[in-house]
Amino acid sequence: MKNSNNLHKVLLVGYNGANNTGSEARLAAIIEDVRTVFGDDVQITVPTLNEKNLRRYLKEESGIHIEPISPIFLWDVRRLVKSHDLVLLVEGSCYMDTWTDALLWAFLWTTTCAHRAGVPCIAYAVDSGKLSSLNRYLVKREASKTDLLITRTERAADELKKIGVTSPMEITADCAFNFKPKKEDSNILSQTWPESTEGMVGLAVVDFNLWPVVIRPWGKKEYLYRWPYYFSRSHSRRKKSEELARNWAREADRIINKYHRKIALICMEEVDEPLAREILSKMENSDQARIFSSSKFNASQMTRILRQLDLLVTSRYHAGVLSLEAGIPQIAVGHDTRLKGFYEELGIHQDYLIDSHHPDIWDKLQEKIDELIKNPLKVRKTLDKGFQEHLARSFKNRGLLEEFLKEKGWILK
């Protein structure tokens, strides 16, 4: 271990610079946690594959340094880990291969490098999910080298323990619960779309058929995420994407015609935009809908938009998280375990969580939308209670960080 009297440099390894609202909100909240624990003189490094995107919402001000890294990350990660005093894994979707093996391997490699270099490594309010047999083995072996593993749901901790991860483990809540949007963004929705004051339903959509991103030496440019990573595409997958867009468009038109609500197509990550545009093109009432994307609006603005909805239907975990403070009624169309764990802890999974593979998904979704538009107060107390509980647990993250470092003998502010 490095000199315990000289802890100054902290490395935040995550999904930084992806134009992803959830990752942006988490990063802001985690930087606040780190500064609260260490003081304003701490030096924080944020590595990224996309420096331009990251600079949209993170400024290189006092104590913040943005570090571009290569998509072939092995050398850069090892170099950065060795030059820092503490490593935090800050991506929520840390221990899962739903999106891509490469992202999981990057976090496991970071842990491995930290372990070899004697640098403390903490997984900071993270989640677990689907893993192949190989990745379960790798997670068991490498994640067990983490000095402290903090999960954001009880389900995630249980899954990691079942795999055989032996690191000290704590359960809190996602960091984004204590993310605070800026006051100057309070009127962003009325300024952007004045007609939305008549009432609005948000659809936070995801094209499940793009994932996982796979590693290839070459491929079609239209499917390129960032070399050498390509979205999974085939004739069958494209057909499923088109059908998904048609069904969302049909439901959006039904809501407009029956309830006279506007439709906000919410893209919590830039990669959601093609599906949102396809939905809009298939709608009969496309003039009553707008796209709100993280490529244009920062996390503060997106949070303000989410909190002014009448109803949220989401396939994105952080849309549910960031809207919760306002008690916005929500329904999840889930394709992985993140929303499942979240809704279980809220106590609404049996009523308002719909599996994306459910045979009657669109009939069931229509039923739940009708239910909550007609009676939005039905879940308000449950959501308000859930937010207060999650907020309190979220603030425990910084307490665990401080306690861990004091036990290691580090001198804090």
Protein backbone atom coordinates (compact mmCIF):
# COMPACT_ATOMS: atom_id res chain seq x y z
CA MET A 1 0.00 0.00 0.00
CA LYS A 2 1.12 3.53 -0.72
CA ASN A 3 1.98 6.09 1.93
CA SER A 4 -1.15 6.28 4.06
CA ASN A 5 -0.40 9.87 5.01
CA ASN A 6 -0.48 11.14 1.45
CA LEU A 7 -3.79 10.18 -0.15
CA HIS A 8 -4.54 12.74 -2.84
CA LYS A 9 -5.17 11.09 -6.21
CA VAL A 10 -8.43 9.21 -6.87
CA LEU A 11 -9.23 7.38 -10.13
CA LEU A 12 -12.91 7.04 -11.14
CA VAL A 13 -13.29 4.20 -13.65
CA GLY A 14 -16.69 3.95 -15.33
CA TYR A 15 -18.81 4.47 -18.43
CA ASN A 16 -17.68 8.07 -18.71
CA GLY A 17 -18.33 10.19 -21.80
CA ALA A 18 -21.00 7.98 -23.36
CA ASN A 19 -23.74 10.66 -23.37
CA ASN A 20 -25.57 8.53 -20.82
CA THR A 21 -27.75 10.45 -18.35
CA GLY A 22 -27.44 7.86 -15.59
CA SER A 23 -23.65 7.67 -15.78
CA GLU A 24 -23.45 11.47 -15.85
CA ALA A 25 -25.65 11.81 -12.75
CA ARG A 26 -23.69 9.11 -10.93
CA LEU A 27 -20.36 10.73 -11.79
CA ALA A 28 -21.48 14.11 -10.48
CA ALA A 29 -22.78 12.57 -7.25
CA ILE A 30 -19.63 10.48 -6.74
CA ILE A 31 -17.33 13.45 -7.27
CA GLU A 32 -19.35 15.24 -4.58
CA ASP A 33 -18.94 12.23 -2.27
CA VAL A 34 -15.17 12.10 -2.85
CA ARG A 35 -14.76 15.82 -2.17
CA THR A 36 -16.90 15.56 0.95
CA VAL A 37 -14.67 12.81 2.32
CA PHE A 38 -11.26 14.10 1.22
CA GLY A 39 -11.74 17.85 0.97
CA ASP A 40 -11.48 20.14 -2.03
CA ASP A 41 -7.75 19.55 -2.52
CA VAL A 42 -8.27 15.94 -3.70
CA GLN A 43 -7.09 15.22 -7.25
CA ILE A 44 -9.69 13.27 -9.25
CA THR A 45 -8.95 11.62 -12.62
CA VAL A 46 -11.81 10.57 -14.91
CA PRO A 47 -10.71 8.31 -17.80
CA THR A 48 -12.87 8.20 -20.94
CA LEU A 49 -13.12 6.71 -24.42
CA ASN A 50 -14.87 9.87 -25.62
CA GLU A 51 -13.21 13.02 -24.35
CA LYS A 52 -15.44 15.36 -26.40
CA ASN A 53 -18.65 13.98 -24.92
CA LEU A 54 -17.30 13.99 -21.38
CA ARG A 55 -16.31 17.64 -21.63
CA ARG A 56 -19.94 18.50 -22.41
CA TYR A 57 -20.83 17.99 -18.76
CA LEU A 58 -17.57 17.73 -16.81
CA LYS A 59 -15.25 20.71 -16.56
CA GLU A 60 -11.53 20.37 -15.90
CA GLU A 61 -11.65 22.72 -12.96
CA SER A 62 -9.68 22.61 -9.74
CA GLY A 63 -8.86 19.02 -8.85
CA ILE A 64 -10.57 17.41 -11.88
CA HIS A 65 -8.57 15.86 -14.71
CA ILE A 66 -10.03 14.17 -17.82
CA GLU A 67 -7.82 11.41 -19.22
CA PRO A 68 -8.51 10.00 -22.73
CA ILE A 69 -7.78 6.28 -23.02
CA SER A 70 -7.60 3.82 -25.90
CA PRO A 71 -10.48 1.42 -26.73
CA ILE A 72 -7.83 -1.27 -26.25
CA PHE A 73 -7.63 -0.23 -22.63
CA LEU A 74 -5.21 -2.67 -21.00
CA TRP A 75 -2.06 -0.54 -20.92
CA ASP A 76 -3.80 2.76 -20.17
CA VAL A 77 -5.75 1.32 -17.24
CA ARG A 78 -2.66 -0.28 -15.72
CA ARG A 79 -0.70 2.97 -16.08
CA LEU A 80 -3.46 5.06 -14.48
CA VAL A 81 -4.06 2.67 -11.60
CA LYS A 82 -0.36 2.62 -10.69
CA SER A 83 -0.23 6.43 -10.57
CA HIS A 84 -3.20 6.84 -8.20
CA ASP A 85 -3.78 6.25 -4.51
CA LEU A 86 -7.35 4.97 -4.68
CA VAL A 87 -9.52 3.44 -7.42
CA LEU A 88 -13.32 3.62 -7.48
CA LEU A 89 -15.35 1.56 -9.95
CA VAL A 90 -18.19 4.00 -10.62
CA GLU A 91 -20.27 2.33 -13.35
CA GLY A 92 -23.59 1.05 -12.03
CA SER A 93 -23.78 -1.85 -14.52
CA CYS A 94 -20.46 -3.16 -13.28
CA TYR A 95 -20.79 -6.94 -12.95
CA MET A 96 -22.89 -7.91 -15.98
CA ASP A 97 -22.31 -8.71 -19.64
CA THR A 98 -25.72 -7.57 -20.87
CA TRP A 99 -24.19 -4.68 -22.79
CA THR A 100 -20.81 -6.13 -23.73
CA ASP A 101 -18.11 -8.42 -22.38
CA ALA A 102 -15.56 -5.66 -22.94
CA LEU A 103 -17.05 -3.31 -20.36
CA LEU A 104 -17.11 -6.03 -17.72
CA TRP A 105 -13.54 -7.04 -18.54
CA ALA A 106 -12.40 -3.41 -18.23
CA PHE A 107 -13.68 -3.25 -14.66
CA LEU A 108 -12.24 -6.64 -13.75
CA TRP A 109 -8.88 -5.66 -15.28
CA THR A 110 -8.93 -2.44 -13.24
CA THR A 111 -9.43 -4.47 -10.07
CA THR A 112 -6.64 -6.85 -11.07
CA CYS A 113 -4.22 -3.97 -11.71
CA ALA A 114 -5.09 -2.34 -8.39
CA HIS A 115 -4.60 -5.60 -6.51
CA ARG A 116 -1.20 -6.15 -8.11
CA ALA A 117 -0.11 -2.57 -7.43
CA GLY A 118 -1.34 -2.54 -3.84
CA VAL A 119 -3.78 0.29 -4.59
CA PRO A 120 -7.11 0.14 -2.68
CA CYS A 121 -10.07 -0.53 -4.99
CA ILE A 122 -13.74 -0.01 -4.15
CA ALA A 123 -16.73 -0.94 -6.31
CA TYR A 124 -18.96 2.04 -5.55
CA ALA A 125 -22.72 1.34 -5.42
CA VAL A 126 -22.74 -1.09 -8.35
CA ASP A 127 -25.03 -3.76 -9.75
CA SER A 128 -24.79 -7.32 -11.05
CA GLY A 129 -26.71 -9.06 -13.79
CA LYS A 130 -26.56 -11.64 -16.54
CA LEU A 131 -23.20 -13.37 -16.89
CA SER A 132 -21.97 -16.17 -19.14
CA SER A 133 -20.29 -19.17 -17.53
CA LEU A 134 -16.87 -17.74 -18.38
CA ASN A 135 -17.73 -14.32 -16.98
CA ARG A 136 -19.16 -15.82 -13.80
CA TYR A 137 -15.80 -17.50 -13.27
CA LEU A 138 -13.92 -14.28 -14.01
CA VAL A 139 -16.13 -12.24 -11.68
CA LYS A 140 -15.69 -14.78 -8.90
CA ARG A 141 -11.91 -14.71 -9.32
CA GLU A 142 -11.23 -11.02 -10.01
CA ALA A 143 -14.04 -9.21 -8.19
CA SER A 144 -12.98 -11.05 -5.03
CA LYS A 145 -9.79 -8.96 -5.17
CA THR A 146 -11.83 -5.79 -4.58
CA ASP A 147 -11.09 -4.27 -1.17
CA LEU A 148 -14.71 -3.23 -0.65
CA LEU A 149 -17.70 -4.03 -2.83
CA ILE A 150 -20.76 -1.82 -2.35
CA THR A 151 -23.91 -2.90 -4.20
CA ARG A 152 -26.93 -0.70 -4.86
CA THR A 153 -29.50 -3.48 -4.31
CA GLU A 154 -29.83 -6.47 -2.04
CA ARG A 155 -30.46 -8.66 -5.09
CA ALA A 156 -27.07 -7.67 -6.56
CA ALA A 157 -25.24 -8.60 -3.35
CA ASP A 158 -27.04 -11.95 -3.19
CA GLU A 159 -26.12 -12.74 -6.80
CA LEU A 160 -22.45 -11.92 -6.28
CA LYS A 161 -22.31 -14.06 -3.14
CA LYS A 162 -23.93 -16.96 -5.03
CA ILE A 163 -21.26 -16.67 -7.70
CA GLY A 164 -18.65 -16.96 -4.95
CA VAL A 165 -17.33 -13.40 -4.65
CA THR A 166 -15.63 -13.13 -1.26
CA SER A 167 -14.87 -9.40 -0.96
CA PRO A 168 -16.25 -7.48 2.01
CA MET A 169 -19.70 -6.41 0.83
CA GLU A 170 -22.15 -3.65 1.81
CA ILE A 171 -25.60 -2.75 0.44
CA THR A 172 -26.63 0.87 -0.07
CA ALA A 173 -28.43 2.52 -3.02
CA ASP A 174 -27.49 4.15 -6.31
CA CYS A 175 -25.48 7.37 -6.05
CA ALA A 176 -27.86 9.16 -8.43
CA PHE A 177 -30.54 9.37 -5.73
CA ASN A 178 -28.65 12.30 -4.22
CA PHE A 179 -27.98 13.98 -7.60
CA LYS A 180 -29.33 17.53 -7.53
CA PRO A 181 -30.43 19.19 -10.78
CA LYS A 182 -29.65 22.88 -11.21
CA LYS A 183 -32.27 25.49 -10.34
CA GLU A 184 -31.75 27.25 -13.68
CA ASP A 185 -33.02 24.11 -15.44
CA SER A 186 -36.39 24.16 -13.65
CA ASN A 187 -38.23 25.54 -16.69
CA ILE A 188 -36.35 23.62 -19.37
CA LEU A 189 -39.44 21.69 -20.48
CA SER A 190 -41.78 24.67 -20.80
CA GLN A 191 -39.04 26.59 -22.61
CA THR A 192 -38.36 23.74 -24.99
CA TRP A 193 -41.93 22.58 -25.56
CA PRO A 194 -44.57 24.99 -24.17
CA GLU A 195 -47.46 22.73 -25.27
CA SER A 196 -46.27 20.01 -22.89
CA THR A 197 -47.92 21.81 -19.98
CA GLU A 198 -51.18 20.19 -21.15
CA GLY A 199 -49.84 16.88 -19.78
CA MET A 200 -47.18 14.44 -20.92
CA VAL A 201 -46.33 10.74 -20.80
CA GLY A 202 -42.66 9.79 -21.08
CA LEU A 203 -41.45 6.68 -22.88
CA ALA A 204 -37.81 5.92 -22.02
CA VAL A 205 -37.14 3.34 -24.71
CA VAL A 206 -34.29 0.92 -25.40
CA ASP A 207 -33.67 -1.18 -28.51
CA PHE A 208 -32.89 -4.48 -26.81
CA ASN A 209 -31.84 -5.95 -30.17
CA LEU A 210 -28.63 -3.88 -30.39
CA TRP A 211 -26.97 -5.68 -27.50
CA PRO A 212 -24.53 -7.01 -26.67
CA VAL A 213 -21.84 -4.94 -28.33
CA VAL A 214 -19.29 -7.39 -29.72
CA ILE A 215 -15.57 -7.12 -30.48
CA ARG A 216 -14.75 -7.37 -34.20
CA PRO A 217 -11.76 -6.27 -36.29
CA TRP A 218 -14.16 -4.87 -38.90
CA GLY A 219 -17.87 -4.55 -39.70
CA LYS A 220 -20.48 -2.25 -41.24
CA LYS A 221 -19.93 1.39 -40.38
CA GLU A 222 -23.61 1.86 -39.46
CA TYR A 223 -23.24 -0.74 -36.70
CA LEU A 224 -19.99 0.67 -35.29
CA TYR A 225 -20.12 1.84 -31.68
CA ARG A 226 -16.41 2.62 -31.46
CA TRP A 227 -13.75 0.48 -33.05
CA PRO A 228 -13.37 -2.42 -32.40
CA TYR A 229 -16.84 -2.57 -30.83
CA TYR A 230 -19.93 -3.19 -32.98
CA PHE A 231 -23.63 -3.48 -32.16
CA SER A 232 -25.18 -6.92 -32.66
CA ARG A 233 -27.19 -6.72 -35.90
CA SER A 234 -28.72 -9.29 -38.25
CA HIS A 235 -31.79 -9.54 -40.46
CA SER A 236 -33.73 -11.10 -37.59
CA ARG A 237 -32.61 -8.44 -35.11
CA ARG A 238 -33.54 -5.61 -37.51
CA LYS A 239 -37.01 -7.08 -37.94
CA LYS A 240 -37.45 -7.24 -34.17
CA SER A 241 -36.33 -3.61 -33.86
CA GLU A 242 -38.89 -2.54 -36.47
CA GLU A 243 -41.63 -4.44 -34.66
CA LEU A 244 -40.61 -2.87 -31.36
CA ALA A 245 -40.86 0.60 -32.91
CA ARG A 246 -44.29 -0.19 -34.38
CA ASN A 247 -45.64 -1.34 -31.03
CA TRP A 248 -44.31 1.71 -29.19
CA ALA A 249 -45.75 3.99 -31.90
CA ARG A 250 -49.13 2.28 -31.64
CA GLU A 251 -49.21 2.73 -27.88
CA ALA A 252 -48.07 6.35 -28.10
CA ASP A 253 -50.87 7.13 -30.55
CA ARG A 254 -53.39 5.39 -28.28
CA ILE A 255 -52.34 7.53 -25.30
CA ILE A 256 -52.62 10.71 -27.39
CA ASN A 257 -56.03 9.80 -28.80
CA LYS A 258 -57.55 8.52 -25.56
CA TYR A 259 -56.01 10.80 -22.95
CA HIS A 260 -54.89 13.85 -24.95
CA ARG A 261 -51.39 13.68 -23.49
CA LYS A 262 -48.21 14.68 -25.28
CA ILE A 263 -45.52 12.01 -25.69
CA ALA A 264 -41.90 12.54 -24.67
CA LEU A 265 -39.59 9.97 -26.25
CA ILE A 266 -36.77 9.97 -23.73
CA CYS A 267 -33.31 8.80 -24.76
CA MET A 268 -31.33 8.29 -21.58
CA GLU A 269 -28.35 7.36 -23.74
CA GLU A 270 -27.47 8.59 -27.22
CA VAL A 271 -27.75 5.04 -28.61
CA ASP A 272 -31.51 5.13 -27.89
CA GLU A 273 -32.04 7.84 -30.52
CA PRO A 274 -32.43 5.63 -33.65
CA LEU A 275 -35.30 3.72 -32.01
CA ALA A 276 -36.93 6.95 -30.84
CA ARG A 277 -36.73 8.42 -34.36
CA GLU A 278 -38.19 5.21 -35.80
CA ILE A 279 -41.09 5.37 -33.33
CA LEU A 280 -41.74 8.99 -34.23
CA SER A 281 -41.75 8.19 -37.96
CA LYS A 282 -44.36 5.48 -37.44
CA MET A 283 -46.74 7.58 -35.30
CA GLU A 284 -49.94 8.99 -36.75
CA ASN A 285 -49.76 11.84 -34.23
CA SER A 286 -46.05 12.58 -34.52
CA ASP A 287 -46.74 16.31 -34.13
CA GLN A 288 -47.79 15.51 -30.54
CA ALA A 289 -44.47 13.93 -29.65
CA ARG A 290 -40.88 15.11 -29.11
CA ILE A 291 -37.53 13.42 -28.61
CA PHE A 292 -35.49 14.42 -25.56
CA SER A 293 -32.00 12.95 -25.75
CA SER A 294 -28.93 12.90 -23.54
CA SER A 295 -26.92 13.96 -26.59
CA LYS A 296 -28.58 17.39 -26.34
CA PHE A 297 -29.72 17.72 -22.71
CA ASN A 298 -27.41 17.20 -19.72
CA ALA A 299 -28.33 15.15 -16.66
CA SER A 300 -29.72 18.17 -14.81
CA GLN A 301 -32.03 19.06 -17.70
CA MET A 302 -33.09 15.46 -18.31
CA THR A 303 -33.90 15.06 -14.61
CA ARG A 304 -36.10 18.17 -14.69
CA ILE A 305 -37.92 16.78 -17.73
CA LEU A 306 -38.46 13.39 -16.07
CA ARG A 307 -39.89 15.04 -12.95
CA GLN A 308 -42.55 16.93 -14.91
CA LEU A 309 -44.15 13.88 -16.52
CA ASP A 310 -47.64 12.63 -15.73
CA LEU A 311 -46.46 9.05 -16.20
CA LEU A 312 -43.16 7.34 -17.03
CA VAL A 313 -42.85 4.06 -18.93
CA THR A 314 -39.21 3.07 -18.83
CA SER A 315 -36.74 0.47 -19.98
CA ARG A 316 -33.93 2.55 -18.47
CA TYR A 317 -33.00 2.10 -14.81
CA HIS A 318 -31.93 5.70 -14.21
CA ALA A 319 -35.08 7.18 -15.70
CA GLY A 320 -36.89 5.48 -12.83
CA VAL A 321 -34.29 6.59 -10.30
CA LEU A 322 -34.11 10.25 -11.33
CA SER A 323 -37.90 10.68 -11.57
CA LEU A 324 -38.57 9.11 -8.17
CA GLU A 325 -38.09 12.24 -6.06
CA ALA A 326 -41.12 13.82 -7.77
CA GLY A 327 -43.24 10.70 -7.19
CA ILE A 328 -43.93 10.27 -10.91
CA PRO A 329 -46.01 7.09 -11.46
CA GLN A 330 -43.87 4.62 -13.39
CA ILE A 331 -44.04 1.32 -15.21
CA ALA A 332 -40.98 -0.66 -16.26
CA VAL A 333 -40.50 -2.77 -19.37
CA GLY A 334 -37.39 -4.59 -18.21
CA HIS A 335 -34.85 -6.62 -20.15
CA ASP A 336 -32.26 -7.19 -17.41
CA THR A 337 -32.04 -7.48 -13.63
CA ARG A 338 -31.42 -3.80 -12.78
CA LEU A 339 -35.04 -2.64 -12.96
CA LYS A 340 -36.13 -5.89 -11.32
CA GLY A 341 -33.97 -5.24 -8.27
CA PHE A 342 -35.06 -1.61 -8.10
CA TYR A 343 -38.78 -2.37 -8.38
CA GLU A 344 -38.52 -5.21 -5.85
CA GLU A 345 -37.11 -2.78 -3.31
CA LEU A 346 -39.83 -0.24 -4.10
CA GLY A 347 -42.42 -3.00 -3.65
CA ILE A 348 -44.06 -2.45 -7.06
CA HIS A 349 -42.49 -5.27 -9.10
CA GLN A 350 -45.57 -7.49 -9.10
CA ASP A 351 -47.83 -4.75 -10.42
CA TYR A 352 -45.68 -2.50 -12.57
CA LEU A 353 -42.70 -4.50 -13.84
CA ILE A 354 -43.25 -6.18 -17.22
CA ASP A 355 -40.66 -8.49 -18.72
CA SER A 356 -39.74 -7.46 -22.26
CA HIS A 357 -40.29 -11.11 -23.34
CA HIS A 358 -43.76 -11.40 -21.82
CA PRO A 359 -46.07 -12.95 -24.45
CA ASP A 360 -48.81 -10.37 -23.78
CA ILE A 361 -46.50 -7.45 -23.10
CA TRP A 362 -48.43 -4.81 -25.06
CA ASP A 363 -51.85 -5.74 -23.68
CA LYS A 364 -50.43 -5.80 -20.17
CA LEU A 365 -48.66 -2.47 -20.69
CA GLN A 366 -51.84 -0.87 -22.01
CA GLU A 367 -53.72 -2.07 -18.94
CA LYS A 368 -51.15 -0.61 -16.53
CA ILE A 369 -50.91 2.70 -18.40
CA ASP A 370 -54.68 3.10 -18.26
CA GLU A 371 -54.65 2.27 -14.56
CA LEU A 372 -52.05 4.89 -13.61
CA ILE A 373 -53.27 7.66 -15.89
CA LYS A 374 -56.74 7.32 -14.37
CA ASN A 375 -55.45 7.00 -10.82
CA PRO A 376 -51.92 8.44 -10.51
CA LEU A 377 -52.18 8.71 -6.72
CA LYS A 378 -52.46 4.93 -6.41
CA VAL A 379 -48.69 4.52 -6.05
CA ARG A 380 -47.71 7.98 -4.81
CA LYS A 381 -47.21 7.05 -1.15
CA THR A 382 -45.25 3.95 -2.09
CA LEU A 383 -42.96 5.93 -4.39
CA ASP A 384 -42.47 8.75 -1.87
CA LYS A 385 -41.56 6.24 0.84
CA GLY A 386 -39.24 4.45 -1.57
CA PHE A 387 -37.43 7.65 -2.47
CA GLN A 388 -36.79 8.60 1.16
CA GLU A 389 -35.44 5.13 1.93
CA HIS A 390 -33.20 5.07 -1.14
CA LEU A 391 -31.95 8.62 -0.53
CA ALA A 392 -30.91 7.74 3.02
CA ARG A 393 -29.15 4.61 1.78
CA SER A 394 -27.45 6.55 -1.01
CA PHE A 395 -25.85 8.92 1.49
CA LYS A 396 -24.35 5.87 3.23
CA ASN A 397 -21.95 5.48 0.30
CA ARG A 398 -19.76 8.36 1.39
CA GLY A 399 -19.92 7.15 4.99
CA LEU A 400 -18.65 3.71 3.96
CA LEU A 401 -15.90 5.33 1.90
CA GLU A 402 -14.75 7.41 4.85
CA GLU A 403 -14.94 4.47 7.26
CA PHE A 404 -12.93 2.23 4.89
CA LEU A 405 -10.14 4.77 4.49
CA LYS A 406 -9.92 5.51 8.20
CA GLU A 407 -9.59 1.78 8.89
CA LYS A 408 -6.70 1.74 6.42
CA GLY A 409 -5.07 4.57 8.32
CA TRP A 410 -5.51 7.26 5.70
CA ILE A 411 -5.55 10.85 6.93
CA LEU A 412 -8.60 12.65 5.57
CA LYS A 413 -9.56 16.31 5.60
